Amino acid sequence: MYERVTRNIAVTVAPRFVAEESNPRDNKFFWAYTVEIANQGETSVQLKSRYWNITDSKGRVQEVRGAGVVGEQPVIAPGDTFRYTSGCPLTTPDGIMVGTYQMVDEAGEAFEIDIPAFPLDSPHTRRSVH
């Protein structure tokens, strides 16, 4: 698990390689990742949008921006946690993801929280010793 806390909001990510959705012979690799967003603060917050920076093992970058997550813009009360699972396809056997969520607090102030960087590792990655 990978965790980052910004402004009393903890974001935890657990990635996993999904072999049944992957086809290495065709350079198709797929990961699922589960995110938990825990509001450790004293006021409710709403997740308005997301930004992902996805880099494959050849250094190619995809940037993904969009409203909410998995079709939702959840309001997270103090002490509550919002959890969702999504996925990421790549044409290489490994990569890395990192990003931010755009949040709004009860007073209407917008701010960003960090999503921790996490690896997309598959059993098809060729490791070498330098």
Protein backbone atom coordinates (compact mmCIF):
# COMPACT_ATOMS: atom_id res chain seq x y z
CA MET A 1 0.00 0.00 0.00
CA TYR A 2 1.06 3.55 -0.72
CA GLU A 3 -0.16 6.50 1.36
CA ARG A 4 0.02 10.28 1.25
CA VAL A 5 -1.64 12.75 3.64
CA THR A 6 -2.49 16.29 2.54
CA ARG A 7 -4.54 18.71 4.65
CA ASN A 8 -5.73 15.92 6.94
CA ILE A 9 -6.93 13.78 4.04
CA ALA A 10 -5.18 10.42 3.69
CA VAL A 11 -5.07 8.80 0.26
CA THR A 12 -4.07 5.13 0.24
CA VAL A 13 -3.59 3.14 -2.97
CA ALA A 14 -3.26 -0.63 -3.41
CA PRO A 15 -2.39 -1.66 -7.00
CA ARG A 16 -2.53 -5.20 -8.38
CA PHE A 17 -1.71 -6.75 -11.74
CA VAL A 18 -4.75 -8.39 -13.38
CA ALA A 19 -3.47 -11.36 -15.38
CA GLU A 20 -6.89 -12.35 -16.73
CA GLU A 21 -7.29 -8.91 -18.37
CA SER A 22 -3.76 -8.91 -19.78
CA ASN A 23 -2.22 -10.48 -22.89
CA PRO A 24 1.58 -10.10 -22.83
CA ARG A 25 1.98 -11.52 -26.36
CA ASP A 26 -0.08 -8.56 -27.62
CA ASN A 27 1.62 -6.05 -25.28
CA LYS A 28 -1.57 -5.61 -23.26
CA PHE A 29 -1.08 -5.30 -19.52
CA PHE A 30 -3.79 -4.30 -17.03
CA TRP A 31 -3.76 -3.25 -13.38
CA ALA A 32 -6.56 -2.58 -10.94
CA TYR A 33 -5.99 -0.16 -8.11
CA THR A 34 -8.10 0.45 -5.04
CA VAL A 35 -8.06 3.93 -3.52
CA GLU A 36 -9.22 4.90 -0.05
CA ILE A 37 -9.69 8.58 0.75
CA ALA A 38 -10.01 9.12 4.52
CA ASN A 39 -11.09 12.49 5.88
CA GLN A 40 -9.10 12.94 9.08
CA GLY A 41 -10.08 16.61 9.34
CA GLU A 42 -12.91 18.41 11.09
CA THR A 43 -15.02 19.51 8.10
CA SER A 44 -16.59 17.74 5.13
CA VAL A 45 -14.85 17.84 1.77
CA GLN A 46 -15.99 17.01 -1.75
CA LEU A 47 -13.86 15.39 -4.43
CA LYS A 48 -14.50 17.40 -7.60
CA SER A 49 -11.94 16.13 -10.12
CA ARG A 50 -8.86 13.99 -10.66
CA TYR A 51 -5.52 14.25 -12.43
CA TRP A 52 -3.33 11.23 -13.22
CA ASN A 53 0.17 11.13 -14.66
CA ILE A 54 0.84 7.61 -15.95
CA THR A 55 4.31 6.72 -17.23
CA ASP A 56 5.10 3.40 -18.89
CA SER A 57 8.49 1.68 -18.84
CA LYS A 58 9.48 3.33 -22.13
CA GLY A 59 8.97 6.77 -20.60
CA ARG A 60 5.73 7.54 -22.46
CA VAL A 61 3.40 9.71 -20.40
CA GLN A 62 -0.39 9.77 -20.41
CA GLU A 63 -2.20 12.54 -18.55
CA VAL A 64 -5.78 11.88 -17.50
CA ARG A 65 -8.09 14.59 -16.18
CA GLY A 66 -11.77 14.31 -15.38
CA ALA A 67 -14.66 15.07 -13.10
CA GLY A 68 -14.84 13.01 -9.93
CA VAL A 69 -13.86 9.35 -9.80
CA VAL A 70 -15.78 6.35 -11.18
CA GLY A 71 -18.70 8.65 -12.04
CA GLU A 72 -18.98 10.15 -8.56
CA GLN A 73 -18.06 13.39 -6.82
CA PRO A 74 -18.32 12.14 -3.25
CA VAL A 75 -18.72 14.28 -0.16
CA ILE A 76 -16.57 12.82 2.61
CA ALA A 77 -17.58 13.75 6.15
CA PRO A 78 -15.05 14.00 9.01
CA GLY A 79 -14.02 10.50 10.05
CA ASP A 80 -15.46 8.90 6.90
CA THR A 81 -13.68 7.09 4.09
CA PHE A 82 -14.57 6.84 0.40
CA ARG A 83 -13.26 3.78 -1.43
CA TYR A 84 -13.25 2.90 -5.12
CA THR A 85 -11.50 0.60 -7.58
CA SER A 86 -10.46 1.51 -11.10
CA GLY A 87 -7.99 0.26 -13.67
CA CYS A 88 -5.10 1.16 -15.92
CA PRO A 89 -4.00 -0.47 -19.19
CA LEU A 90 -0.45 -0.18 -20.54
CA THR A 91 1.40 -1.58 -23.54
CA THR A 92 4.50 -2.24 -21.41
CA PRO A 93 4.85 -4.72 -18.51
CA ASP A 94 5.40 -2.00 -15.92
CA GLY A 95 4.99 1.68 -15.20
CA ILE A 96 4.14 4.19 -12.50
CA MET A 97 1.13 6.35 -11.60
CA VAL A 98 0.90 9.52 -9.53
CA GLY A 99 -1.69 12.29 -9.33
CA THR A 100 -3.87 14.73 -7.45
CA TYR A 101 -7.51 15.20 -6.51
CA GLN A 102 -9.16 18.61 -6.64
CA MET A 103 -11.21 19.02 -3.47
CA VAL A 104 -13.60 21.67 -2.13
CA ASP A 105 -14.20 22.26 1.57
CA GLU A 106 -17.44 23.38 3.30
CA ALA A 107 -16.45 27.05 2.88
CA GLY A 108 -16.14 26.56 -0.89
CA GLU A 109 -12.33 26.73 -0.90
CA ALA A 110 -10.75 24.58 -3.61
CA PHE A 111 -7.49 22.77 -2.90
CA GLU A 112 -5.48 19.83 -4.19
CA ILE A 113 -4.51 16.69 -2.33
CA ASP A 114 -1.73 14.36 -3.44
CA ILE A 115 -2.18 10.81 -4.64
CA PRO A 116 0.98 8.87 -3.78
CA ALA A 117 3.13 7.53 -6.59
CA PHE A 118 2.72 3.79 -6.97
CA PRO A 119 4.29 1.20 -9.26
CA LEU A 120 2.48 -0.84 -11.88
CA ASP A 121 4.57 -4.01 -11.77
CA SER A 122 3.76 -7.22 -13.57
CA PRO A 123 5.40 -10.64 -13.43
CA HIS A 124 6.40 -10.03 -17.07
CA THR A 125 8.91 -7.31 -16.20
CA ARG A 126 12.47 -8.17 -17.08
CA ARG A 127 14.71 -7.26 -14.17
CA SER A 128 18.42 -6.69 -14.55
CA VAL A 129 21.27 -6.24 -12.14
CA HIS A 130 23.46 -3.22 -12.88
